Amino acid sequence: MSGTKIEGVLVKPLRKIPDERGCIMHMLRCDDPLYKKFGEIYFSMSYPGVIKGWHFHEKMTLNYAVITGMIKLVIYDDRKNSATKGNLMELFIGEENYCLVKIPPKVWNGYKTIGTKTSILANCPDMAHDPSEMKRLDPFSDKIPYNWNLKNK
């Protein structure tokens, strides 16, 4: 993880249980403190280099885990009364860093598939998708101070 923290965003390492048959990858259970309620589950597949974002939800809490590939997940806090307003978080999650990321309502997020493999992001939000409570921005909008380019260090 790089950048600063954002109020309400939680990152929890997840278990992978491998054996000779394959692997079980835990994501979210109803007795987990991060679990609120079930809305739906869906999977978003993206090709390498593809950027999906920016978007936020007025009411929905997101629960992301990347089950294959790797992504650069970027989260931006633009909430008026948030103690972390203006902060950005950049997370690299997926096969090499398997974790659950909980993103609260009204927090902008987007991601870019990195590496050479297609990514599959699983989302288990706390409500069913409702397009009327979602806002979108172009990934290159200057409203969010972020550059998606590769950073050679």
Protein backbone atom coordinates (compact mmCIF):
# COMPACT_ATOMS: atom_id res chain seq x y z
CA MET A 1 0.00 0.00 0.00
CA SER A 2 1.22 3.49 -0.72
CA GLY A 3 -0.23 6.87 0.04
CA THR A 4 -2.21 7.83 3.09
CA LYS A 5 -5.15 6.24 4.83
CA ILE A 6 -8.78 7.02 4.07
CA GLU A 7 -11.45 7.04 6.76
CA GLY A 8 -13.64 3.93 6.46
CA VAL A 9 -11.41 2.07 3.99
CA LEU A 10 -10.24 -1.23 5.45
CA VAL A 11 -7.75 -3.74 4.03
CA LYS A 12 -7.80 -7.27 5.40
CA PRO A 13 -5.35 -10.01 4.32
CA LEU A 14 -7.23 -13.10 3.14
CA ARG A 15 -6.40 -16.80 3.37
CA LYS A 16 -5.45 -19.03 0.50
CA ILE A 17 -5.45 -22.72 1.31
CA PRO A 18 -3.48 -24.62 -1.35
CA ASP A 19 -3.21 -28.36 -1.78
CA GLU A 20 -2.41 -30.76 -4.62
CA ARG A 21 -5.89 -30.26 -6.10
CA GLY A 22 -5.77 -26.44 -6.29
CA CYS A 23 -6.59 -23.70 -3.85
CA ILE A 24 -9.45 -22.34 -1.73
CA MET A 25 -9.54 -18.56 -1.53
CA HIS A 26 -11.63 -17.09 1.28
CA MET A 27 -13.30 -13.69 0.70
CA LEU A 28 -16.11 -12.74 3.12
CA ARG A 29 -18.23 -14.53 5.71
CA CYS A 30 -21.42 -13.46 7.45
CA ASP A 31 -19.65 -13.66 10.84
CA ASP A 32 -16.78 -11.38 9.74
CA PRO A 33 -16.77 -7.93 11.43
CA LEU A 34 -16.44 -6.35 7.95
CA TYR A 35 -19.66 -7.98 6.75
CA LYS A 36 -22.72 -5.74 6.82
CA LYS A 37 -25.31 -7.50 4.65
CA PHE A 38 -25.58 -9.23 1.29
CA GLY A 39 -26.56 -7.22 -1.76
CA GLU A 40 -25.14 -9.22 -4.67
CA ILE A 41 -21.87 -10.65 -5.91
CA TYR A 42 -20.35 -10.05 -9.30
CA PHE A 43 -17.04 -10.46 -11.07
CA SER A 44 -15.36 -7.83 -13.24
CA MET A 45 -12.83 -9.16 -15.76
CA SER A 46 -10.30 -6.74 -17.24
CA TYR A 47 -7.50 -7.07 -19.75
CA PRO A 48 -3.95 -5.86 -18.95
CA GLY A 49 -3.66 -2.07 -19.07
CA VAL A 50 -7.42 -1.45 -18.89
CA ILE A 51 -8.57 1.24 -16.44
CA LYS A 52 -12.03 0.98 -14.86
CA GLY A 53 -13.00 4.10 -12.96
CA TRP A 54 -13.61 6.54 -11.55
CA HIS A 55 -16.86 5.81 -9.76
CA PHE A 56 -18.51 6.02 -6.36
CA HIS A 57 -21.78 4.99 -4.78
CA GLU A 58 -24.01 7.21 -2.66
CA LYS A 59 -25.18 4.34 -0.40
CA MET A 60 -23.34 1.12 -1.34
CA THR A 61 -20.34 -0.28 0.53
CA LEU A 62 -17.98 -2.26 -1.72
CA ASN A 63 -16.02 -5.38 -0.74
CA TYR A 64 -13.33 -6.10 -3.34
CA ALA A 65 -11.02 -9.09 -3.71
CA VAL A 66 -9.01 -9.92 -6.84
CA ILE A 67 -9.03 -13.68 -7.45
CA THR A 68 -6.76 -13.78 -10.49
CA GLY A 69 -4.20 -11.35 -11.90
CA MET A 70 -3.14 -8.10 -10.26
CA ILE A 71 -4.64 -4.62 -10.15
CA LYS A 72 -3.62 -1.18 -9.01
CA LEU A 73 -6.63 0.00 -6.97
CA VAL A 74 -6.78 3.75 -6.36
CA ILE A 75 -9.15 5.25 -3.81
CA TYR A 76 -9.79 8.99 -3.39
CA ASP A 77 -11.65 10.68 -0.53
CA ASP A 78 -13.65 13.70 -1.67
CA ARG A 79 -16.24 13.63 1.13
CA LYS A 80 -16.94 17.09 2.55
CA ASN A 81 -16.86 16.22 6.26
CA SER A 82 -14.25 13.48 6.17
CA ALA A 83 -11.12 13.77 8.32
CA THR A 84 -9.20 12.32 5.35
CA LYS A 85 -10.68 14.56 2.60
CA GLY A 86 -8.19 14.91 -0.26
CA ASN A 87 -6.28 11.71 0.55
CA LEU A 88 -5.42 9.09 -2.07
CA MET A 89 -4.67 5.41 -1.46
CA GLU A 90 -2.89 3.24 -4.02
CA LEU A 91 -3.10 -0.52 -3.39
CA PHE A 92 -1.64 -3.38 -5.41
CA ILE A 93 -3.92 -6.36 -4.87
CA GLY A 94 -4.50 -9.76 -6.42
CA GLU A 95 -2.64 -13.05 -6.59
CA GLU A 96 0.54 -11.58 -5.08
CA ASN A 97 -1.34 -9.67 -2.35
CA TYR A 98 -4.64 -11.45 -1.75
CA CYS A 99 -6.82 -9.27 0.46
CA LEU A 100 -10.29 -7.82 0.97
CA VAL A 101 -10.70 -4.06 0.52
CA LYS A 102 -13.81 -2.47 2.02
CA ILE A 103 -14.71 0.88 0.42
CA PRO A 104 -17.42 2.97 2.09
CA PRO A 105 -20.07 5.00 0.24
CA LYS A 106 -19.13 8.33 -1.39
CA VAL A 107 -15.46 7.39 -1.85
CA TRP A 108 -14.12 7.48 -5.41
CA ASN A 109 -12.32 4.38 -6.68
CA GLY A 110 -10.94 2.93 -9.85
CA TYR A 111 -8.47 0.29 -10.89
CA LYS A 112 -6.03 -0.67 -13.60
CA THR A 113 -5.07 -4.24 -14.46
CA ILE A 114 -1.30 -4.50 -14.19
CA GLY A 115 1.13 -7.14 -15.46
CA THR A 116 0.47 -9.45 -18.39
CA LYS A 117 -2.51 -11.43 -17.09
CA THR A 118 -6.24 -10.70 -17.20
CA SER A 119 -7.62 -9.76 -13.76
CA ILE A 120 -10.87 -10.86 -12.17
CA LEU A 121 -12.17 -8.66 -9.37
CA ALA A 122 -14.93 -10.05 -7.15
CA ASN A 123 -17.24 -7.56 -5.46
CA CYS A 124 -19.70 -8.46 -2.70
CA PRO A 125 -21.43 -5.13 -1.95
CA ASP A 126 -24.04 -4.63 0.74
CA MET A 127 -26.84 -3.81 -1.70
CA ALA A 128 -27.90 -4.73 -5.24
CA HIS A 129 -26.62 -2.47 -8.01
CA ASP A 130 -28.76 0.62 -8.55
CA PRO A 131 -27.45 2.87 -11.34
CA SER A 132 -29.27 5.89 -9.87
CA GLU A 133 -27.02 5.93 -6.77
CA MET A 134 -23.74 5.71 -8.71
CA LYS A 135 -21.60 8.54 -10.07
CA ARG A 136 -18.87 8.18 -12.71
CA LEU A 137 -15.90 10.23 -13.89
CA ASP A 138 -13.49 9.76 -16.77
CA PRO A 139 -10.33 8.00 -15.48
CA PHE A 140 -8.28 10.98 -16.69
CA SER A 141 -10.48 13.67 -15.13
CA ASP A 142 -8.57 16.44 -13.37
CA LYS A 143 -11.15 16.34 -10.54
CA ILE A 144 -9.08 13.55 -9.00
CA PRO A 145 -5.35 14.29 -8.66
CA TYR A 146 -4.02 10.97 -9.96
CA ASN A 147 -1.90 9.86 -12.92
CA TRP A 148 -2.50 6.25 -14.06
CA ASN A 149 0.86 5.97 -15.87
CA LEU A 150 3.47 3.40 -14.89
CA LYS A 151 5.84 4.84 -12.29
CA ASN A 152 9.40 3.67 -12.84
CA LYS A 153 11.29 4.12 -9.60
